[in-house]
Full PDB file with SEQRES, HELIX, SHEET, SSBOND, CRYST1, ORIGX, SCALE, CONECT and MASTER records, all heavy atoms in Angstrom:
SEQRES   1 A   41  GLY GLY LEU VAL GLN PRO GLY GLY SER LEU ARG LEU SER          
SEQRES   2 A   41  CYS ALA ALA SER GLY SER ILE PHE SER ILE ASP ALA MET          
SEQRES   3 A   41  GLY TRP TYR ARG GLN ALA PRO GLY LYS GLN ARG GLU LEU          
SEQRES   4 A   41  VAL ALA                                                      
CRYST1    1.000    1.000    1.000  90.00  90.00  90.00 P 1           1          
ORIGX1      1.000000  0.000000  0.000000        0.00000                         
ORIGX2      0.000000  1.000000  0.000000        0.00000                         
ORIGX3      0.000000  0.000000  1.000000        0.00000                         
SCALE1      1.000000  0.000000  0.000000        0.00000                         
SCALE2      0.000000  1.000000  0.000000        0.00000                         
SCALE3      0.000000  0.000000  1.000000        0.00000                         
ATOM      1  N   GLY A   1     113.578  12.658 108.959  1.00  0.00           N  
ATOM      2  CA  GLY A   1     113.674  13.320 110.235  1.00  0.00           C  
ATOM      3  C   GLY A   1     112.773  12.696 111.207  1.00  0.00           C  
ATOM      4  O   GLY A   1     111.935  11.881 111.000  1.00  0.00           O  
ATOM      5  N   GLY A   2     112.990  13.104 112.468  1.00  0.00           N  
ATOM      6  CA  GLY A   2     112.167  12.627 113.528  1.00  0.00           C  
ATOM      7  C   GLY A   2     112.796  12.890 114.887  1.00  0.00           C  
ATOM      8  O   GLY A   2     113.680  13.677 115.061  1.00  0.00           O  
ATOM      9  N   LEU A   3     112.210  12.205 115.965  1.00  0.00           N  
ATOM     10  CA  LEU A   3     112.678  12.344 117.339  1.00  0.00           C  
ATOM     11  C   LEU A   3     113.544  11.151 117.683  1.00  0.00           C  
ATOM     12  O   LEU A   3     113.092  10.028 117.503  1.00  0.00           O  
ATOM     13  CB  LEU A   3     111.481  12.451 118.303  1.00  0.00           C  
ATOM     14  CG  LEU A   3     111.759  12.462 119.740  1.00  0.00           C  
ATOM     15  CD1 LEU A   3     112.598  13.675 120.165  1.00  0.00           C  
ATOM     16  CD2 LEU A   3     110.504  12.394 120.480  1.00  0.00           C  
ATOM     17  N   VAL A   4     114.701  11.419 118.230  1.00  0.00           N  
ATOM     18  CA  VAL A   4     115.552  10.308 118.656  1.00  0.00           C  
ATOM     19  C   VAL A   4     116.198  10.785 119.956  1.00  0.00           C  
ATOM     20  O   VAL A   4     116.377  11.977 120.280  1.00  0.00           O  
ATOM     21  CB  VAL A   4     116.729  10.021 117.599  1.00  0.00           C  
ATOM     22  CG1 VAL A   4     116.115   9.465 116.318  1.00  0.00           C  
ATOM     23  CG2 VAL A   4     117.559  11.210 117.294  1.00  0.00           C  
ATOM     24  N   GLN A   5     116.732   9.761 120.724  1.00  0.00           N  
ATOM     25  CA  GLN A   5     117.386  10.006 121.974  1.00  0.00           C  
ATOM     26  C   GLN A   5     118.923  10.331 121.633  1.00  0.00           C  
ATOM     27  O   GLN A   5     119.386   9.900 120.630  1.00  0.00           O  
ATOM     28  CB  GLN A   5     117.315   8.751 122.830  1.00  0.00           C  
ATOM     29  CG  GLN A   5     115.960   8.467 123.325  1.00  0.00           C  
ATOM     30  CD  GLN A   5     115.894   7.295 124.320  1.00  0.00           C  
ATOM     31  OE1 GLN A   5     116.826   6.481 124.329  1.00  0.00           O  
ATOM     32  NE2 GLN A   5     114.838   7.289 125.197  1.00  0.00           N  
ATOM     33  N   PRO A   6     119.555  11.037 122.572  1.00  0.00           N  
ATOM     34  CA  PRO A   6     120.974  11.211 122.418  1.00  0.00           C  
ATOM     35  C   PRO A   6     121.722   9.900 122.137  1.00  0.00           C  
ATOM     36  O   PRO A   6     121.393   8.934 122.859  1.00  0.00           O  
ATOM     37  CB  PRO A   6     121.341  11.909 123.730  1.00  0.00           C  
ATOM     38  CG  PRO A   6     120.166  12.581 124.139  1.00  0.00           C  
ATOM     39  CD  PRO A   6     119.008  11.714 123.770  1.00  0.00           C  
ATOM     40  N   GLY A   7     122.656   9.899 121.193  1.00  0.00           N  
ATOM     41  CA  GLY A   7     123.389   8.710 120.898  1.00  0.00           C  
ATOM     42  C   GLY A   7     122.741   7.962 119.776  1.00  0.00           C  
ATOM     43  O   GLY A   7     123.342   6.961 119.272  1.00  0.00           O  
ATOM     44  N   GLY A   8     121.485   8.285 119.386  1.00  0.00           N  
ATOM     45  CA  GLY A   8     120.753   7.548 118.368  1.00  0.00           C  
ATOM     46  C   GLY A   8     121.193   8.017 116.956  1.00  0.00           C  
ATOM     47  O   GLY A   8     122.157   8.778 116.824  1.00  0.00           O  
ATOM     48  N   SER A   9     120.562   7.411 115.952  1.00  0.00           N  
ATOM     49  CA  SER A   9     120.932   7.643 114.584  1.00  0.00           C  
ATOM     50  C   SER A   9     119.657   7.935 113.767  1.00  0.00           C  
ATOM     51  O   SER A   9     118.607   7.444 114.072  1.00  0.00           O  
ATOM     52  CB  SER A   9     121.623   6.414 114.016  1.00  0.00           C  
ATOM     53  OG  SER A   9     122.840   6.128 114.619  1.00  0.00           O  
ATOM     54  N   LEU A  10     119.864   8.714 112.689  1.00  0.00           N  
ATOM     55  CA  LEU A  10     118.854   8.955 111.674  1.00  0.00           C  
ATOM     56  C   LEU A  10     119.496   9.019 110.394  1.00  0.00           C  
ATOM     57  O   LEU A  10     120.706   9.400 110.250  1.00  0.00           O  
ATOM     58  CB  LEU A  10     118.169  10.311 111.947  1.00  0.00           C  
ATOM     59  CG  LEU A  10     117.099  10.381 113.086  1.00  0.00           C  
ATOM     60  CD1 LEU A  10     116.640  11.786 113.227  1.00  0.00           C  
ATOM     61  CD2 LEU A  10     115.911   9.467 112.823  1.00  0.00           C  
ATOM     62  N   ARG A  11     118.796   8.640 109.307  1.00  0.00           N  
ATOM     63  CA  ARG A  11     119.309   8.752 107.987  1.00  0.00           C  
ATOM     64  C   ARG A  11     118.289   9.650 107.124  1.00  0.00           C  
ATOM     65  O   ARG A  11     117.147   9.306 107.011  1.00  0.00           O  
ATOM     66  CB  ARG A  11     119.399   7.449 107.324  1.00  0.00           C  
ATOM     67  CG  ARG A  11     120.135   7.551 105.905  1.00  0.00           C  
ATOM     68  CD  ARG A  11     119.958   6.226 105.229  1.00  0.00           C  
ATOM     69  NE  ARG A  11     120.774   6.110 104.045  1.00  0.00           N  
ATOM     70  CZ  ARG A  11     120.563   5.473 102.920  1.00  0.00           C  
ATOM     71  NH1 ARG A  11     119.371   4.793 102.814  1.00  0.00           N  
ATOM     72  NH2 ARG A  11     121.373   5.440 101.906  1.00  0.00           N  
ATOM     73  N   LEU A  12     118.813  10.794 106.734  1.00  0.00           N  
ATOM     74  CA  LEU A  12     118.031  11.764 105.938  1.00  0.00           C  
ATOM     75  C   LEU A  12     118.224  11.463 104.493  1.00  0.00           C  
ATOM     76  O   LEU A  12     119.303  11.103 104.030  1.00  0.00           O  
ATOM     77  CB  LEU A  12     118.414  13.169 106.265  1.00  0.00           C  
ATOM     78  CG  LEU A  12     118.347  13.650 107.725  1.00  0.00           C  
ATOM     79  CD1 LEU A  12     118.639  15.120 107.839  1.00  0.00           C  
ATOM     80  CD2 LEU A  12     117.028  13.319 108.332  1.00  0.00           C  
ATOM     81  N   SER A  13     117.149  11.633 103.702  1.00  0.00           N  
ATOM     82  CA  SER A  13     117.247  11.473 102.280  1.00  0.00           C  
ATOM     83  C   SER A  13     116.703  12.680 101.576  1.00  0.00           C  
ATOM     84  O   SER A  13     115.788  13.305 102.131  1.00  0.00           O  
ATOM     85  CB  SER A  13     116.472  10.217 101.808  1.00  0.00           C  
ATOM     86  OG  SER A  13     117.028   9.077 102.314  1.00  0.00           O  
ATOM     87  N   CYS A  14     117.182  13.001 100.503  1.00  0.00           N  
ATOM     88  CA  CYS A  14     116.703  14.202  99.723  1.00  0.00           C  
ATOM     89  C   CYS A  14     116.725  13.821  98.233  1.00  0.00           C  
ATOM     90  O   CYS A  14     117.834  13.530  97.686  1.00  0.00           O  
ATOM     91  CB  CYS A  14     117.507  15.407  99.962  1.00  0.00           C  
ATOM     92  SG  CYS A  14     117.126  16.896  98.935  1.00  0.00           S  
ATOM     93  N   ALA A  15     115.575  13.737  97.595  1.00  0.00           N  
ATOM     94  CA  ALA A  15     115.482  13.396  96.229  1.00  0.00           C  
ATOM     95  C   ALA A  15     115.079  14.592  95.380  1.00  0.00           C  
ATOM     96  O   ALA A  15     114.108  15.336  95.658  1.00  0.00           O  
ATOM     97  CB  ALA A  15     114.500  12.282  95.995  1.00  0.00           C  
ATOM     98  N   ALA A  16     115.857  14.921  94.323  1.00  0.00           N  
ATOM     99  CA  ALA A  16     115.573  15.897  93.373  1.00  0.00           C  
ATOM    100  C   ALA A  16     114.750  15.335  92.166  1.00  0.00           C  
ATOM    101  O   ALA A  16     115.071  14.317  91.706  1.00  0.00           O  
ATOM    102  CB  ALA A  16     116.844  16.619  92.864  1.00  0.00           C  
ATOM    103  N   SER A  17     113.742  16.092  91.763  1.00  0.00           N  
ATOM    104  CA  SER A  17     112.944  15.711  90.599  1.00  0.00           C  
ATOM    105  C   SER A  17     112.582  16.886  89.809  1.00  0.00           C  
ATOM    106  O   SER A  17     112.706  18.021  90.247  1.00  0.00           O  
ATOM    107  CB  SER A  17     111.717  14.879  91.150  1.00  0.00           C  
ATOM    108  OG  SER A  17     110.897  15.724  91.918  1.00  0.00           O  
ATOM    109  N   GLY A  18     112.008  16.634  88.607  1.00  0.00           N  
ATOM    110  CA  GLY A  18     111.629  17.690  87.719  1.00  0.00           C  
ATOM    111  C   GLY A  18     112.587  17.817  86.568  1.00  0.00           C  
ATOM    112  O   GLY A  18     113.118  16.853  86.048  1.00  0.00           O  
ATOM    113  N   SER A  19     112.718  19.020  86.091  1.00  0.00           N  
ATOM    114  CA  SER A  19     113.579  19.318  84.968  1.00  0.00           C  
ATOM    115  C   SER A  19     115.012  19.421  85.361  1.00  0.00           C  
ATOM    116  O   SER A  19     115.451  20.422  85.954  1.00  0.00           O  
ATOM    117  CB  SER A  19     113.177  20.661  84.323  1.00  0.00           C  
ATOM    118  OG  SER A  19     113.948  20.981  83.181  1.00  0.00           O  
ATOM    119  N   ILE A  20     115.753  18.372  85.137  1.00  0.00           N  
ATOM    120  CA  ILE A  20     117.147  18.265  85.583  1.00  0.00           C  
ATOM    121  C   ILE A  20     118.014  17.753  84.403  1.00  0.00           C  
ATOM    122  O   ILE A  20     117.741  16.727  83.936  1.00  0.00           O  
ATOM    123  CB  ILE A  20     117.267  17.313  86.721  1.00  0.00           C  
ATOM    124  CG1 ILE A  20     116.503  17.800  87.963  1.00  0.00           C  
ATOM    125  CG2 ILE A  20     118.795  17.182  87.095  1.00  0.00           C  
ATOM    126  CD1 ILE A  20     116.435  16.799  89.102  1.00  0.00           C  
ATOM    127  N   PHE A  21     118.923  18.563  83.987  1.00  0.00           N  
ATOM    128  CA  PHE A  21     119.970  18.170  83.044  1.00  0.00           C  
ATOM    129  C   PHE A  21     121.212  17.661  83.794  1.00  0.00           C  
ATOM    130  O   PHE A  21     121.711  16.556  83.385  1.00  0.00           O  
ATOM    131  CB  PHE A  21     120.280  19.329  82.143  1.00  0.00           C  
ATOM    132  CG  PHE A  21     121.375  18.988  81.130  1.00  0.00           C  
ATOM    133  CD1 PHE A  21     121.083  18.140  80.055  1.00  0.00           C  
ATOM    134  CD2 PHE A  21     122.642  19.376  81.209  1.00  0.00           C  
ATOM    135  CE1 PHE A  21     122.013  17.779  79.030  1.00  0.00           C  
ATOM    136  CE2 PHE A  21     123.592  19.101  80.304  1.00  0.00           C  
ATOM    137  CZ  PHE A  21     123.233  18.268  79.237  1.00  0.00           C  
ATOM    138  N   SER A  22     121.650  18.334  84.767  1.00  0.00           N  
ATOM    139  CA  SER A  22     122.823  17.834  85.515  1.00  0.00           C  
ATOM    140  C   SER A  22     122.762  18.487  86.887  1.00  0.00           C  
ATOM    141  O   SER A  22     122.167  19.538  87.092  1.00  0.00           O  
ATOM    142  CB  SER A  22     124.139  18.203  84.862  1.00  0.00           C  
ATOM    143  OG  SER A  22     124.272  19.600  84.699  1.00  0.00           O  
ATOM    144  N   ILE A  23     123.487  17.767  87.797  1.00  0.00           N  
ATOM    145  CA  ILE A  23     123.556  18.233  89.160  1.00  0.00           C  
ATOM    146  C   ILE A  23     125.050  18.333  89.560  1.00  0.00           C  
ATOM    147  O   ILE A  23     125.771  17.324  89.323  1.00  0.00           O  
ATOM    148  CB  ILE A  23     122.794  17.358  90.188  1.00  0.00           C  
ATOM    149  CG1 ILE A  23     121.347  17.247  89.771  1.00  0.00           C  
ATOM    150  CG2 ILE A  23     122.957  17.891  91.608  1.00  0.00           C  
ATOM    151  CD1 ILE A  23     120.585  16.275  90.668  1.00  0.00           C  
ATOM    152  N   ASP A  24     125.439  19.439  90.110  1.00  0.00           N  
ATOM    153  CA  ASP A  24     126.810  19.570  90.587  1.00  0.00           C  
ATOM    154  C   ASP A  24     126.810  19.180  92.020  1.00  0.00           C  
ATOM    155  O   ASP A  24     126.627  18.042  92.384  1.00  0.00           O  
ATOM    156  CB  ASP A  24     127.309  21.001  90.318  1.00  0.00           C  
ATOM    157  CG  ASP A  24     128.810  21.115  90.560  1.00  0.00           C  
ATOM    158  OD1 ASP A  24     129.534  20.071  90.804  1.00  0.00           O  
ATOM    159  OD2 ASP A  24     129.321  22.187  90.602  1.00  0.00           O  
ATOM    160  N   ALA A  25     127.093  20.161  92.909  1.00  0.00           N  
ATOM    161  CA  ALA A  25     127.210  19.873  94.359  1.00  0.00           C  
ATOM    162  C   ALA A  25     125.769  19.669  94.966  1.00  0.00           C  
ATOM    163  O   ALA A  25     124.773  20.244  94.591  1.00  0.00           O  
ATOM    164  CB  ALA A  25     127.933  20.928  95.043  1.00  0.00           C  
ATOM    165  N   MET A  26     125.756  18.795  95.976  1.00  0.00           N  
ATOM    166  CA  MET A  26     124.571  18.666  96.825  1.00  0.00           C  
ATOM    167  C   MET A  26     124.971  18.744  98.251  1.00  0.00           C  
ATOM    168  O   MET A  26     126.084  18.449  98.611  1.00  0.00           O  
ATOM    169  CB  MET A  26     123.900  17.303  96.574  1.00  0.00           C  
ATOM    170  CG  MET A  26     123.503  17.053  95.158  1.00  0.00           C  
ATOM    171  SD  MET A  26     122.620  15.488  94.850  1.00  0.00           S  
ATOM    172  CE  MET A  26     120.979  16.013  95.282  1.00  0.00           C  
ATOM    173  N   GLY A  27     124.045  19.156  99.120  1.00  0.00           N  
ATOM    174  CA  GLY A  27     124.532  19.340 100.510  1.00  0.00           C  
ATOM    175  C   GLY A  27     123.310  19.424 101.440  1.00  0.00           C  
ATOM    176  O   GLY A  27     122.115  19.428 101.131  1.00  0.00           O  
ATOM    177  N   TRP A  28     123.740  19.614 102.748  1.00  0.00           N  
ATOM    178  CA  TRP A  28     122.758  19.706 103.768  1.00  0.00           C  
ATOM    179  C   TRP A  28     123.117  20.927 104.699  1.00  0.00           C  
ATOM    180  O   TRP A  28     124.357  21.083 105.051  1.00  0.00           O  
ATOM    181  CB  TRP A  28     122.760  18.487 104.715  1.00  0.00           C  
ATOM    182  CG  TRP A  28     122.190  17.268 103.992  1.00  0.00           C  
ATOM    183  CD1 TRP A  28     122.882  16.344 103.326  1.00  0.00           C  
ATOM    184  CD2 TRP A  28     120.823  16.868 104.029  1.00  0.00           C  
ATOM    185  NE1 TRP A  28     122.010  15.371 102.843  1.00  0.00           N  
ATOM    186  CE2 TRP A  28     120.765  15.674 103.241  1.00  0.00           C  
ATOM    187  CE3 TRP A  28     119.654  17.371 104.479  1.00  0.00           C  
ATOM    188  CZ2 TRP A  28     119.539  15.019 103.035  1.00  0.00           C  
ATOM    189  CZ3 TRP A  28     118.421  16.732 104.334  1.00  0.00           C  
ATOM    190  CH2 TRP A  28     118.440  15.546 103.584  1.00  0.00           C  
ATOM    191  N   TYR A  29     122.142  21.702 104.942  1.00  0.00           N  
ATOM    192  CA  TYR A  29     122.241  22.799 105.952  1.00  0.00           C  
ATOM    193  C   TYR A  29     121.298  22.535 107.059  1.00  0.00           C  
ATOM    194  O   TYR A  29     120.332  21.811 106.907  1.00  0.00           O  
ATOM    195  CB  TYR A  29     121.935  24.117 105.348  1.00  0.00           C  
ATOM    196  CG  TYR A  29     123.092  24.699 104.460  1.00  0.00           C  
ATOM    197  CD1 TYR A  29     123.433  24.157 103.249  1.00  0.00           C  
ATOM    198  CD2 TYR A  29     123.823  25.865 104.976  1.00  0.00           C  
ATOM    199  CE1 TYR A  29     124.465  24.736 102.476  1.00  0.00           C  
ATOM    200  CE2 TYR A  29     124.831  26.389 104.172  1.00  0.00           C  
ATOM    201  CZ  TYR A  29     125.158  25.837 102.958  1.00  0.00           C  
ATOM    202  OH  TYR A  29     126.133  26.339 102.161  1.00  0.00           O  
ATOM    203  N   ARG A  30     121.521  23.226 108.279  1.00  0.00           N  
ATOM    204  CA  ARG A  30     120.560  23.091 109.337  1.00  0.00           C  
ATOM    205  C   ARG A  30     120.480  24.458 109.986  1.00  0.00           C  
ATOM    206  O   ARG A  30     121.308  25.272 109.960  1.00  0.00           O  
ATOM    207  CB  ARG A  30     120.934  22.042 110.273  1.00  0.00           C  
ATOM    208  CG  ARG A  30     122.260  22.400 111.121  1.00  0.00           C  
ATOM    209  CD  ARG A  30     122.663  21.224 111.937  1.00  0.00           C  
ATOM    210  NE  ARG A  30     123.831  21.468 112.790  1.00  0.00           N  
ATOM    211  CZ  ARG A  30     124.477  20.578 113.453  1.00  0.00           C  
ATOM    212  NH1 ARG A  30     124.035  19.334 113.535  1.00  0.00           N  
ATOM    213  NH2 ARG A  30     125.526  20.936 114.171  1.00  0.00           N  
ATOM    214  N   GLN A  31     119.171  24.622 110.616  1.00  0.00           N  
ATOM    215  CA  GLN A  31     118.966  25.870 111.309  1.00  0.00           C  
ATOM    216  C   GLN A  31     118.213  25.470 112.589  1.00  0.00           C  
ATOM    217  O   GLN A  31     117.131  24.901 112.509  1.00  0.00           O  
ATOM    218  CB  GLN A  31     118.209  26.859 110.440  1.00  0.00           C  
ATOM    219  CG  GLN A  31     118.007  28.231 111.198  1.00  0.00           C  
ATOM    220  CD  GLN A  31     117.515  29.260 110.270  1.00  0.00           C  
ATOM    221  OE1 GLN A  31     116.897  28.948 109.244  1.00  0.00           O  
ATOM    222  NE2 GLN A  31     117.797  30.501 110.592  1.00  0.00           N  
ATOM    223  N   ALA A  32     118.813  25.869 113.754  1.00  0.00           N  
ATOM    224  CA  ALA A  32     118.189  25.673 115.012  1.00  0.00           C  
ATOM    225  C   ALA A  32     117.572  26.929 115.449  1.00  0.00           C  
ATOM    226  O   ALA A  32     117.901  28.061 114.968  1.00  0.00           O  
ATOM    227  CB  ALA A  32     119.236  25.223 116.049  1.00  0.00           C  
ATOM    228  N   PRO A  33     116.532  26.838 116.325  1.00  0.00           N  
ATOM    229  CA  PRO A  33     115.895  28.046 116.824  1.00  0.00           C  
ATOM    230  C   PRO A  33     116.846  29.084 117.344  1.00  0.00           C  
ATOM    231  O   PRO A  33     117.688  28.749 118.252  1.00  0.00           O  
ATOM    232  CB  PRO A  33     114.869  27.571 117.876  1.00  0.00           C  
ATOM    233  CG  PRO A  33     114.651  26.165 117.466  1.00  0.00           C  
ATOM    234  CD  PRO A  33     115.945  25.605 116.901  1.00  0.00           C  
ATOM    235  N   GLY A  34     116.776  30.305 116.976  1.00  0.00           N  
ATOM    236  CA  GLY A  34     117.611  31.415 117.446  1.00  0.00           C  
ATOM    237  C   GLY A  34     119.035  31.366 116.931  1.00  0.00           C  
ATOM    238  O   GLY A  34     119.881  32.142 117.390  1.00  0.00           O  
ATOM    239  N   LYS A  35     119.322  30.480 115.979  1.00  0.00           N  
ATOM    240  CA  LYS A  35     120.647  30.353 115.390  1.00  0.00           C  
ATOM    241  C   LYS A  35     120.604  30.567 113.904  1.00  0.00           C  
ATOM    242  O   LYS A  35     119.560  30.350 113.348  1.00  0.00           O  
ATOM    243  CB  LYS A  35     121.290  29.084 115.733  1.00  0.00           C  
ATOM    244  CG  LYS A  35     121.559  28.834 117.246  1.00  0.00           C  
ATOM    245  CD  LYS A  35     122.332  27.560 117.514  1.00  0.00           C  
ATOM    246  CE  LYS A  35     122.614  27.357 118.967  1.00  0.00           C  
ATOM    247  NZ  LYS A  35     123.320  26.108 119.246  1.00  0.00           N  
ATOM    248  N   GLN A  36     121.769  30.941 113.329  1.00  0.00           N  
ATOM    249  CA  GLN A  36     121.852  31.109 111.892  1.00  0.00           C  
ATOM    250  C   GLN A  36     121.888  29.768 111.201  1.00  0.00           C  
ATOM    251  O   GLN A  36     122.395  28.760 111.751  1.00  0.00           O  
ATOM    252  CB  GLN A  36     123.064  31.986 111.519  1.00  0.00           C  
ATOM    253  CG  GLN A  36     122.859  33.459 111.926  1.00  0.00           C  
ATOM    254  CD  GLN A  36     124.022  34.258 111.422  1.00  0.00           C  
ATOM    255  OE1 GLN A  36     125.090  33.789 111.252  1.00  0.00           O  
ATOM    256  NE2 GLN A  36     123.699  35.527 111.089  1.00  0.00           N  
ATOM    257  N   ARG A  37     121.526  29.754 109.909  1.00  0.00           N  
ATOM    258  CA  ARG A  37     121.689  28.509 109.135  1.00  0.00           C  
ATOM    259  C   ARG A  37     123.175  28.225 108.974  1.00  0.00           C  
ATOM    260  O   ARG A  37     123.973  29.112 108.700  1.00  0.00           O  
ATOM    261  CB  ARG A  37     120.997  28.771 107.803  1.00  0.00           C  
ATOM    262  CG  ARG A  37     120.714  27.491 106.984  1.00  0.00           C  
ATOM    263  CD  ARG A  37     119.912  27.894 105.772  1.00  0.00           C  
ATOM    264  NE  ARG A  37     119.049  26.794 105.290  1.00  0.00           N  
ATOM    265  CZ  ARG A  37     118.061  26.930 104.457  1.00  0.00           C  
ATOM    266  NH1 ARG A  37     117.885  28.131 103.913  1.00  0.00           N  
ATOM    267  NH2 ARG A  37     117.309  25.882 104.051  1.00  0.00           N  
ATOM    268  N   GLU A  38     123.527  26.943 109.057  1.00  0.00           N  
ATOM    269  CA  GLU A  38     124.895  26.582 108.945  1.00  0.00           C  
ATOM    270  C   GLU A  38     125.029  25.378 107.994  1.00  0.00           C  
ATOM    271  O   GLU A  38     124.189  24.498 108.032  1.00  0.00           O  
ATOM    272  CB  GLU A  38     125.509  26.248 110.269  1.00  0.00           C  
ATOM    273  CG  GLU A  38     124.997  25.030 110.992  1.00  0.00           C  
ATOM    274  CD  GLU A  38     125.719  24.653 112.244  1.00  0.00           C  
ATOM    275  OE1 GLU A  38     126.839  25.191 112.485  1.00  0.00           O  
ATOM    276  OE2 GLU A  38     125.191  23.817 113.052  1.00  0.00           O  
ATOM    277  N   LEU A  39     126.163  25.278 107.357  1.00  0.00           N  
ATOM    278  CA  LEU A  39     126.447  24.189 106.522  1.00  0.00           C  
ATOM    279  C   LEU A  39     126.809  23.002 107.389  1.00  0.00           C  
ATOM    280  O   LEU A  39     127.623  23.074 108.302  1.00  0.00           O  
ATOM    281  CB  LEU A  39     127.685  24.470 105.610  1.00  0.00           C  
ATOM    282  CG  LEU A  39     128.199  23.314 104.781  1.00  0.00           C  
ATOM    283  CD1 LEU A  39     127.172  22.900 103.710  1.00  0.00           C  
ATOM    284  CD2 LEU A  39     129.479  23.647 104.167  1.00  0.00           C  
ATOM    285  N   VAL A  40     126.136  21.784 107.082  1.00  0.00           N  
ATOM    286  CA  VAL A  40     126.463  20.646 107.715  1.00  0.00           C  
ATOM    287  C   VAL A  40     127.418  19.760 106.983  1.00  0.00           C  
ATOM    288  O   VAL A  40     128.504  19.370 107.477  1.00  0.00           O  
ATOM    289  CB  VAL A  40     125.248  19.772 107.914  1.00  0.00           C  
ATOM    290  CG1 VAL A  40     125.488  18.419 108.671  1.00  0.00           C  
ATOM    291  CG2 VAL A  40     124.202  20.609 108.852  1.00  0.00           C  
ATOM    292  N   ALA A  41     127.189  19.549 105.688  1.00  0.00           N  
ATOM    293  CA  ALA A  41     127.996  18.766 104.806  1.00  0.00           C  
ATOM    294  C   ALA A  41     127.610  19.000 103.391  1.00  0.00           C  
ATOM    295  O   ALA A  41     126.484  19.307 103.114  1.00  0.00           O  
ATOM    296  CB  ALA A  41     127.908  17.299 105.122  1.00  0.00           C  
TER     297      ALA A  41                                                      
MASTER        0    0    0    0    0    0    0    6  296    1    0    4          
END                                                                             
């Protein structure tokens, strides 16, 4: 994450670690101030 100008790009990463046997779905949600959390992808 970070600060970018409109039209710019960012690449987010999320690594899972610990006790893991299998992973089904993975995804991203976001929450803006004053708004509800929403599914991104």
